[in-house]
């Protein structure tokens, strides 16, 4: 069996082992398992059944990640996306006043369109035509982005009405739990201990229990997952050809496309999977996994699937192949039946993993030539917009737009590919639509 696994995932050629891949998958799962709690919490405000949403979230994550593991063979996990679920709940169902069934219909249409665009190589063409300097900047921006998430989840950095952000209450247990976990990870990493991030998460969780922040589950650890019946296959076709449906589907397509593209490039570079141009192997398969995952999400009863930046934590732990993603999917299967155990890992324990991965991802900044403004400004905007706008997609938008304009108006317009011009035009049209809408 071990030899079959090694041949299927080409472990030796990737410089990894079964043990390392399995541990990396567990780390990825632990850093993104919050979605099993957060996604149902967000979507349930629309009137959807919260317990059914837990099952839908887990099953969607399992399916999409398995496709990524077995078809694309990349160490990347997928699940219903943060931001996309907020758009589902608070914009479509909240501000616009549509039902959650209408929103699920929009997600389903988006998924089908994504499948068509992927099969026609449109999405792959977009990814391959992104300038190399933007590709270099993306993992750095993502590194800062996930560092901000980690600092916020631990309570180290908090919102502030006067200064936008500020230091949190240093006396909170969550702050010290996160800092202790980060220290453990750093020391173990320096000593070359494999699985340093996972050990740090376990140590921080144990400290959380000792400090009374997390209680060992008193209920049975094993239970059958809740029924999907309240949310699965619940569509509403009455507004199918409305202008609102068109705008909603376009918005979902836009956000999901560039979130996924950014994450694939960022994690791919971090894992050493890309070629000299920053291109990712099996890219079309990876994009198809995303498209199929989104379509399945709508059928099961949850929001749009995206590629998770937390996959970088597994990559930082040594994950290099689809076996990492397969391991992550298996942990999601266990989570269906062991929810109380897995959900006891607090955000403060996974936060240091995100901070550590952020450090790993920003190290490539030395490869960007900031002195050349045509290269430096687009890279800089790509990097800073991701954490400051809290969006991978917005970082790519402003980076690519500035790249196009700087080359066009400095007499170097012929060096920009026609595809980049088309994408930039679509970005501008999207901005205009957002203003008018």
Protein backbone atom coordinates (compact mmCIF):
# COMPACT_ATOMS: atom_id res chain seq x y z
CA UNK A 1 0.00 0.00 0.00
CA UNK A 2 2.79 2.41 0.93
CA UNK A 3 4.51 1.83 -2.43
CA UNK A 4 1.25 2.48 -4.29
CA UNK A 5 0.77 5.75 -2.41
CA UNK A 6 4.35 6.83 -3.10
CA UNK A 7 4.01 6.12 -6.83
CA UNK A 8 0.57 7.76 -7.17
CA UNK A 9 1.65 11.01 -5.49
CA UNK A 10 5.32 10.86 -6.63
CA UNK A 11 6.51 11.43 -3.07
CA UNK A 12 10.20 10.74 -3.70
CA UNK A 13 10.32 13.08 -6.67
CA UNK A 14 8.76 15.77 -4.50
CA UNK A 15 11.26 15.20 -1.70
CA UNK A 16 8.69 14.18 0.91
CA UNK A 17 7.42 11.15 2.83
CA UNK A 18 4.09 9.62 3.77
CA UNK A 19 4.52 10.61 7.42
CA UNK A 20 5.39 14.21 6.58
CA UNK A 21 2.43 14.53 4.20
CA UNK A 22 -0.02 13.12 6.75
CA UNK A 23 1.22 15.48 9.46
CA UNK A 24 1.04 18.41 7.06
CA UNK A 25 -2.57 17.51 6.27
CA UNK A 26 -3.42 17.52 9.96
CA UNK A 27 -1.82 20.94 10.41
CA UNK A 28 -3.83 22.29 7.48
CA UNK A 29 -6.99 20.85 8.97
CA UNK A 30 -6.33 22.33 12.41
CA UNK A 31 -5.66 25.80 11.02
CA UNK A 32 -8.84 25.81 8.91
CA UNK A 33 -11.18 23.72 11.08
CA UNK A 34 -12.70 26.93 12.44
CA UNK A 35 -14.82 26.97 9.25
CA UNK A 36 -16.87 24.12 10.73
CA UNK A 37 -18.02 26.54 13.44
CA UNK A 38 -17.88 29.91 11.71
CA UNK A 39 -19.64 29.03 8.44
CA UNK A 40 -22.79 27.63 10.07
CA UNK A 41 -22.82 30.58 12.47
CA UNK A 42 -22.74 33.12 9.62
CA UNK A 43 -25.18 31.39 7.28
CA UNK A 44 -27.68 30.55 10.02
CA UNK A 45 -28.63 34.25 10.33
CA UNK A 46 -30.49 33.78 7.05
CA UNK A 47 -32.80 31.22 8.66
CA UNK A 48 -30.88 28.15 7.51
CA UNK A 49 -30.65 25.21 9.93
CA UNK A 50 -27.36 25.52 11.83
CA UNK A 51 -26.85 21.81 12.49
CA UNK A 52 -27.52 20.94 8.85
CA UNK A 53 -25.04 23.65 7.86
CA UNK A 54 -22.34 21.96 9.94
CA UNK A 55 -22.79 18.75 7.95
CA UNK A 56 -22.99 20.62 4.64
CA UNK A 57 -19.79 22.53 5.44
CA UNK A 58 -17.89 19.37 6.35
CA UNK A 59 -19.12 17.34 3.37
CA UNK A 60 -18.39 20.17 0.94
CA UNK A 61 -14.87 20.52 2.32
CA UNK A 62 -14.32 16.77 2.05
CA UNK A 63 -15.51 16.57 -1.55
CA UNK A 64 -13.65 19.63 -2.85
CA UNK A 65 -10.41 18.73 -1.06
CA UNK A 66 -10.57 15.12 -2.29
CA UNK A 67 -10.86 16.33 -5.89
CA UNK A 68 -7.84 18.57 -5.31
CA UNK A 69 -5.95 15.66 -3.72
CA UNK A 70 -6.71 12.86 -6.17
CA UNK A 71 -7.19 14.79 -9.42
CA UNK A 72 -4.95 17.86 -9.16
CA UNK A 73 -2.55 16.15 -6.69
CA UNK A 74 -1.72 19.43 -4.96
CA UNK A 75 -1.24 19.99 -1.18
CA UNK A 76 -4.13 22.44 -1.09
CA UNK A 77 -7.42 22.22 0.81
CA UNK A 78 -10.78 23.73 -0.06
CA UNK A 79 -13.88 24.69 1.91
CA UNK A 80 -16.68 27.27 1.90
CA UNK A 81 -14.90 30.61 1.77
CA UNK A 82 -14.84 33.35 4.38
CA UNK A 83 -16.03 36.62 2.87
CA UNK A 84 -18.07 34.71 0.31
CA UNK A 85 -20.29 33.37 3.10
CA UNK A 86 -20.65 36.90 4.50
CA UNK A 87 -21.69 38.16 1.05
CA UNK A 88 -24.22 35.31 0.92
CA UNK A 89 -25.72 36.08 4.34
CA UNK A 90 -25.42 39.83 4.80
CA UNK A 91 -25.64 41.19 1.24
CA UNK A 92 -27.81 38.80 -0.78
CA UNK A 93 -30.11 37.81 2.08
CA UNK A 94 -29.62 40.89 4.27
CA UNK A 95 -29.27 44.11 2.28
CA UNK A 96 -30.96 42.84 -0.89
CA UNK A 97 -33.61 40.93 1.01
CA UNK A 98 -33.60 37.70 -0.99
CA UNK A 99 -34.15 34.26 0.54
CA UNK A 100 -31.31 31.87 1.29
CA UNK A 101 -32.74 29.58 -1.37
CA UNK A 102 -32.24 32.33 -3.94
CA UNK A 103 -28.66 32.75 -2.73
CA UNK A 104 -28.00 29.00 -3.07
CA UNK A 105 -29.33 29.20 -6.63
CA UNK A 106 -26.82 31.96 -7.40
CA UNK A 107 -24.00 29.82 -5.97
CA UNK A 108 -25.11 26.87 -8.12
CA UNK A 109 -25.15 29.00 -11.30
CA UNK A 110 -21.72 30.38 -10.45
CA UNK A 111 -20.37 26.85 -10.03
CA UNK A 112 -21.74 25.71 -13.39
CA UNK A 113 -20.28 28.77 -15.15
CA UNK A 114 -16.93 28.13 -13.47
CA UNK A 115 -16.94 24.55 -14.76
CA UNK A 116 -17.57 25.82 -18.30
CA UNK A 117 -14.87 28.52 -18.05
CA UNK A 118 -12.39 25.98 -16.73
CA UNK A 119 -13.14 23.42 -19.45
CA UNK A 120 -12.71 26.17 -22.06
CA UNK A 121 -9.33 27.08 -20.50
CA UNK A 122 -10.45 30.67 -19.82
CA UNK A 123 -9.48 30.57 -16.15
CA UNK A 124 -6.16 28.87 -16.90
CA UNK A 125 -5.38 31.52 -19.53
CA UNK A 126 -6.01 34.27 -16.97
CA UNK A 127 -3.70 32.67 -14.40
CA UNK A 128 -0.85 32.08 -16.86
CA UNK A 129 -1.01 35.65 -18.20
CA UNK A 130 -0.61 37.33 -14.81
CA UNK A 131 2.77 39.16 -14.90
CA UNK A 132 5.58 37.44 -13.02
CA UNK A 133 6.09 40.41 -10.68
CA UNK A 134 2.47 40.15 -9.54
CA UNK A 135 2.95 36.42 -9.03
CA UNK A 136 5.99 37.13 -6.86
CA UNK A 137 4.05 39.71 -4.82
CA UNK A 138 0.99 37.52 -4.20
CA UNK A 139 2.52 35.12 -1.62
CA UNK A 140 4.00 38.10 0.25
CA UNK A 141 0.60 39.80 0.43
CA UNK A 142 -1.00 36.54 1.52
CA UNK A 143 1.69 36.15 4.18
CA UNK A 144 0.82 39.55 5.66
CA UNK A 145 -2.89 38.77 5.28
CA UNK A 146 -2.79 35.53 7.22
CA UNK A 147 -0.47 37.08 9.80
CA UNK A 148 -3.12 39.74 10.40
CA UNK A 149 -5.76 37.01 10.73
CA UNK A 150 -3.59 35.17 13.25
CA UNK A 151 -2.89 38.29 15.31
CA UNK A 152 -6.58 39.21 15.33
CA UNK A 153 -7.78 35.71 16.21
CA UNK A 154 -5.46 35.69 19.21
CA UNK A 155 -6.61 39.13 20.38
CA UNK A 156 -3.11 40.56 19.95
CA UNK A 157 -4.34 43.09 17.38
CA UNK A 158 -7.88 44.49 17.71
CA UNK A 159 -10.02 47.07 15.85
CA UNK A 160 -9.82 50.64 17.07
CA UNK A 161 -12.13 53.49 16.05
CA UNK A 162 -9.37 56.13 16.27
CA UNK A 163 -6.31 54.33 14.94
CA UNK A 164 -8.03 51.59 12.87
CA UNK A 165 -6.09 48.88 14.72
CA UNK A 166 -4.37 48.71 18.09
CA UNK A 167 -2.77 46.32 20.54
CA UNK A 168 -5.26 44.15 22.36
CA UNK A 169 -5.45 43.52 26.08
CA UNK A 170 -2.08 41.97 26.84
CA UNK A 171 -3.53 40.41 29.99
CA UNK A 172 -5.90 38.16 28.08
CA UNK A 173 -5.18 34.45 28.23
CA UNK A 174 -5.61 34.15 24.46
CA UNK A 175 -2.67 36.50 23.88
CA UNK A 176 -0.32 34.50 26.08
CA UNK A 177 -1.56 31.19 24.66
CA UNK A 178 -0.79 32.39 21.14
CA UNK A 179 2.61 33.83 22.08
CA UNK A 180 3.54 30.61 23.92
CA UNK A 181 2.53 28.53 20.88
CA UNK A 182 4.56 30.82 18.62
CA UNK A 183 7.61 30.49 20.88
CA UNK A 184 7.33 26.69 20.87
CA UNK A 185 7.05 26.64 17.07
CA UNK A 186 10.02 28.98 16.66
CA UNK A 187 12.31 27.00 18.97
CA UNK A 188 11.35 23.66 17.42
CA UNK A 189 11.77 25.07 13.92
CA UNK A 190 15.27 26.27 14.80
CA UNK A 191 16.13 22.80 16.07
CA UNK A 192 14.87 21.23 12.85
CA UNK A 193 12.03 19.32 14.53
CA UNK A 194 9.54 17.98 11.98
CA UNK A 195 5.95 18.92 12.67
CA UNK A 196 6.98 21.98 14.70
CA UNK A 197 3.78 23.83 13.81
CA UNK A 198 1.57 20.88 14.80
CA UNK A 199 3.41 20.46 18.12
CA UNK A 200 3.00 24.19 18.76
CA UNK A 201 -0.75 23.96 18.14
CA UNK A 202 -1.00 20.98 20.53
CA UNK A 203 1.04 22.81 23.20
CA UNK A 204 -1.12 25.93 22.91
CA UNK A 205 -4.29 23.83 23.14
CA UNK A 206 -2.99 22.10 26.28
CA UNK A 207 -2.19 25.49 27.81
CA UNK A 208 -5.74 26.62 26.95
CA UNK A 209 -7.12 23.65 28.90
CA UNK A 210 -4.86 24.35 31.89
CA UNK A 211 -5.91 28.01 31.94
CA UNK A 212 -9.57 27.11 31.77
CA UNK A 213 -10.08 28.71 28.34
CA UNK A 214 -11.07 25.39 26.83
CA UNK A 215 -12.94 22.61 28.58
CA UNK A 216 -12.59 18.97 27.69
CA UNK A 217 -15.91 17.95 26.08
CA UNK A 218 -18.27 16.51 28.69
CA UNK A 219 -20.59 14.99 26.11
CA UNK A 220 -19.93 11.93 24.01
CA UNK A 221 -17.13 12.49 21.55
CA UNK A 222 -18.75 10.33 18.89
CA UNK A 223 -22.11 11.11 17.29
CA UNK A 224 -23.81 10.84 13.91
CA UNK A 225 -23.71 14.02 11.82
CA UNK A 226 -26.94 16.07 11.64
CA UNK A 227 -29.26 15.60 8.66
CA UNK A 228 -28.74 17.62 5.47
CA UNK A 229 -32.44 17.62 4.61
CA UNK A 230 -33.22 21.19 5.77
CA UNK A 231 -30.68 22.79 3.38
CA UNK A 232 -29.78 20.34 0.59
CA UNK A 233 -31.20 20.86 -2.93
CA UNK A 234 -33.14 23.93 -1.83
CA UNK A 235 -33.24 26.20 -4.89
CA UNK A 236 -35.46 29.10 -5.93
CA UNK A 237 -35.69 29.79 -9.66
CA UNK A 238 -38.28 32.61 -9.71
CA UNK A 239 -35.69 35.43 -10.13
CA UNK A 240 -33.35 33.51 -12.41
CA UNK A 241 -33.25 36.14 -15.20
CA UNK A 242 -33.28 39.26 -13.03
CA UNK A 243 -30.59 41.97 -13.08
CA UNK A 244 -29.88 41.28 -9.42
CA UNK A 245 -29.15 37.63 -10.16
CA UNK A 246 -26.76 38.69 -12.94
CA UNK A 247 -24.88 41.08 -10.66
CA UNK A 248 -24.75 38.61 -7.76
CA UNK A 249 -23.39 35.79 -9.94
CA UNK A 250 -20.81 38.16 -11.48
CA UNK A 251 -19.68 39.31 -8.03
CA UNK A 252 -19.35 35.74 -6.79
CA UNK A 253 -17.40 34.80 -9.93
CA UNK A 254 -15.07 37.77 -9.54
CA UNK A 255 -14.27 37.26 -5.86
CA UNK A 256 -13.89 33.50 -6.12
CA UNK A 257 -11.77 33.55 -9.28
CA UNK A 258 -9.09 35.86 -7.94
CA UNK A 259 -9.16 34.54 -4.39
CA UNK A 260 -8.51 31.07 -5.78
CA UNK A 261 -5.91 32.27 -8.28
CA UNK A 262 -4.05 34.23 -5.61
CA UNK A 263 -4.02 31.37 -3.16
CA UNK A 264 -2.95 28.79 -5.75
CA UNK A 265 -0.04 30.97 -6.84
CA UNK A 266 0.95 31.93 -3.30
CA UNK A 267 0.87 28.42 -1.86
CA UNK A 268 2.37 26.96 -5.05
CA UNK A 269 5.39 29.25 -4.83
CA UNK A 270 5.75 28.53 -1.10
CA UNK A 271 5.74 24.79 -1.80
CA UNK A 272 8.27 25.11 -4.61
CA UNK A 273 5.77 23.71 -7.10
CA UNK A 274 5.98 26.48 -9.68
CA UNK A 275 8.26 26.75 -12.68
CA UNK A 276 10.49 29.73 -13.54
CA UNK A 277 7.46 31.71 -14.72
CA UNK A 278 5.46 31.02 -11.59
CA UNK A 279 3.13 28.55 -13.32
CA UNK A 280 1.57 25.75 -11.27
CA UNK A 281 1.42 22.09 -12.39
CA UNK A 282 -2.04 20.65 -13.00
CA UNK A 283 -3.48 24.17 -12.86
CA UNK A 284 -6.55 23.33 -14.90
CA UNK A 285 -7.30 20.39 -12.61
CA UNK A 286 -6.94 22.62 -9.54
CA UNK A 287 -9.34 25.17 -10.99
CA UNK A 288 -11.79 22.42 -11.90
CA UNK A 289 -11.66 21.14 -8.33
CA UNK A 290 -12.67 24.62 -7.18
CA UNK A 291 -15.51 24.78 -9.72
CA UNK A 292 -16.82 21.31 -8.87
CA UNK A 293 -16.57 22.12 -5.16
CA UNK A 294 -18.69 25.25 -5.56
CA UNK A 295 -21.34 23.37 -7.51
CA UNK A 296 -21.41 20.63 -4.87
CA UNK A 297 -21.64 23.27 -2.13
CA UNK A 298 -24.84 24.64 -3.61
CA UNK A 299 -26.34 21.16 -3.93
CA UNK A 300 -25.43 20.30 -0.33
CA UNK A 301 -26.68 23.63 0.98
CA UNK A 302 -23.81 25.99 1.71
CA UNK A 303 -21.91 28.92 0.21
CA UNK A 304 -19.18 29.16 -2.42
CA UNK A 305 -16.04 27.02 -2.10
CA UNK A 306 -12.60 28.55 -2.39
CA UNK A 307 -8.98 27.47 -2.01
CA UNK A 308 -7.83 28.05 1.57
CA UNK A 309 -4.81 30.18 2.36
CA UNK A 310 -4.43 28.09 5.52
CA UNK A 311 -3.07 25.39 3.20
CA UNK A 312 0.18 27.32 3.50
CA UNK A 313 0.50 26.06 7.08
CA UNK A 314 0.56 22.46 5.82
CA UNK A 315 3.05 23.39 3.13
CA UNK A 316 5.24 25.03 5.78
CA UNK A 317 5.09 21.73 7.69
CA UNK A 318 6.48 19.85 4.69
CA UNK A 319 3.41 19.08 2.57
CA UNK A 320 4.24 18.89 -1.13
CA UNK A 321 1.70 16.60 -2.83
CA UNK A 322 -1.95 15.67 -2.98
CA UNK A 323 -1.42 13.30 -0.07
CA UNK A 324 -1.42 16.35 2.21
CA UNK A 325 -4.85 17.34 0.89
CA UNK A 326 -6.04 13.74 1.16
CA UNK A 327 -5.00 13.73 4.82
CA UNK A 328 -6.87 16.99 5.39
CA UNK A 329 -10.00 15.54 3.80
CA UNK A 330 -9.79 12.47 6.06
CA UNK A 331 -9.64 14.71 9.15
CA UNK A 332 -12.78 16.47 7.93
CA UNK A 333 -14.43 13.04 7.69
CA UNK A 334 -13.48 12.33 11.31
CA UNK A 335 -14.71 15.77 12.30
CA UNK A 336 -18.18 14.77 11.12
CA UNK A 337 -18.30 12.19 13.90
CA UNK A 338 -15.93 13.75 16.44
CA UNK A 339 -17.01 17.36 16.30
CA UNK A 340 -16.69 18.09 20.07
CA UNK A 341 -13.07 16.91 20.12
CA UNK A 342 -11.87 18.75 17.04
CA UNK A 343 -13.76 21.92 17.78
CA UNK A 344 -12.14 22.30 21.19
CA UNK A 345 -8.93 23.58 19.53
CA UNK A 346 -9.25 27.35 20.12
CA UNK A 347 -8.39 30.12 17.70
CA UNK A 348 -5.57 31.19 20.03
CA UNK A 349 -3.89 27.81 19.43
CA UNK A 350 -4.06 27.98 15.63
CA UNK A 351 -3.16 31.69 15.46
CA UNK A 352 0.60 31.18 15.94
CA UNK A 353 0.60 28.74 13.02
CA UNK A 354 -0.78 31.47 10.78
CA UNK A 355 1.79 33.97 12.06
CA UNK A 356 4.65 31.52 11.49
CA UNK A 357 3.46 30.76 7.97
CA UNK A 358 3.18 34.49 7.32
CA UNK A 359 6.87 34.78 8.14
CA UNK A 360 7.75 31.98 5.72
CA UNK A 361 5.76 33.58 2.90
CA UNK A 362 7.20 37.11 3.08
CA UNK A 363 10.80 35.93 2.69
CA UNK A 364 10.48 36.01 -1.11
CA UNK A 365 10.24 39.82 -1.02
CA UNK A 366 13.95 40.07 -1.86
CA UNK A 367 13.22 38.84 -5.40
CA UNK A 368 11.17 41.95 -6.28
CA UNK A 369 13.00 44.93 -7.82
CA UNK A 370 11.22 47.82 -6.11
CA UNK A 371 13.66 50.37 -7.60
CA UNK A 372 11.99 49.84 -10.99
CA UNK A 373 8.69 51.66 -10.44
CA UNK A 374 6.93 49.74 -13.20
CA UNK A 375 7.66 46.60 -11.22
CA UNK A 376 7.81 48.00 -7.68
CA UNK A 377 4.54 49.92 -7.46
CA UNK A 378 2.27 47.09 -8.77
CA UNK A 379 4.04 44.63 -6.46
CA UNK A 380 3.70 47.00 -3.51
CA UNK A 381 0.00 47.59 -4.12
CA UNK A 382 -0.60 43.87 -4.50
CA UNK A 383 1.12 43.26 -1.17
CA UNK A 384 -0.50 46.00 0.90
CA UNK A 385 -4.06 45.77 -0.41
CA UNK A 386 -4.41 42.13 0.65
CA UNK A 387 -4.13 42.74 4.41
CA UNK A 388 -5.45 46.33 4.42
CA UNK A 389 -8.50 45.58 2.24
CA UNK A 390 -8.79 42.12 3.85
CA UNK A 391 -9.05 40.57 0.41
CA UNK A 392 -6.68 38.57 -1.80
CA UNK A 393 -8.80 39.49 -4.81
CA UNK A 394 -8.51 43.26 -4.23
CA UNK A 395 -4.74 42.95 -3.98
CA UNK A 396 -4.61 41.34 -7.40
CA UNK A 397 -7.03 43.90 -8.85
CA UNK A 398 -5.06 46.97 -7.81
CA UNK A 399 -1.72 45.35 -8.55
CA UNK A 400 -2.72 44.34 -12.07
CA UNK A 401 -4.45 47.65 -12.85
CA UNK A 402 -1.41 49.67 -11.77
CA UNK A 403 0.87 47.35 -13.77
CA UNK A 404 -1.24 47.88 -16.91
CA UNK A 405 -1.45 51.66 -16.57
CA UNK A 406 2.23 52.16 -15.73
CA UNK A 407 3.38 50.14 -18.73
CA UNK A 408 0.80 51.71 -21.06
CA UNK A 409 1.56 55.33 -20.20
CA UNK A 410 5.34 54.93 -19.97
CA UNK A 411 5.67 53.79 -23.56
CA UNK A 412 5.96 50.08 -22.74
CA UNK A 413 2.41 49.11 -23.60
CA UNK A 414 3.46 46.49 -26.14
CA UNK A 415 5.08 44.46 -23.36
CA UNK A 416 1.64 43.88 -21.79
CA UNK A 417 -0.27 40.88 -23.13
CA UNK A 418 -3.74 41.35 -24.68
CA UNK A 419 -5.19 39.11 -21.99
CA UNK A 420 -3.93 41.45 -19.24
CA UNK A 421 -5.55 44.41 -21.04
CA UNK A 422 -8.85 42.54 -21.22
CA UNK A 423 -8.69 41.58 -17.54
CA UNK A 424 -7.85 45.16 -16.56
CA UNK A 425 -10.81 46.44 -18.57
CA UNK A 426 -13.08 43.97 -16.80
CA UNK A 427 -11.72 45.18 -13.45
CA UNK A 428 -12.60 48.75 -14.36
CA UNK A 429 -16.08 47.73 -15.49
CA UNK A 430 -16.53 45.86 -12.21
CA UNK A 431 -15.58 49.00 -10.26
CA UNK A 432 -18.05 51.08 -12.25
CA UNK A 433 -20.76 48.47 -11.68
CA UNK A 434 -20.06 48.51 -7.93
CA UNK A 435 -20.44 52.32 -7.85
CA UNK A 436 -23.66 52.32 -9.89
CA UNK A 437 -25.05 49.29 -8.05
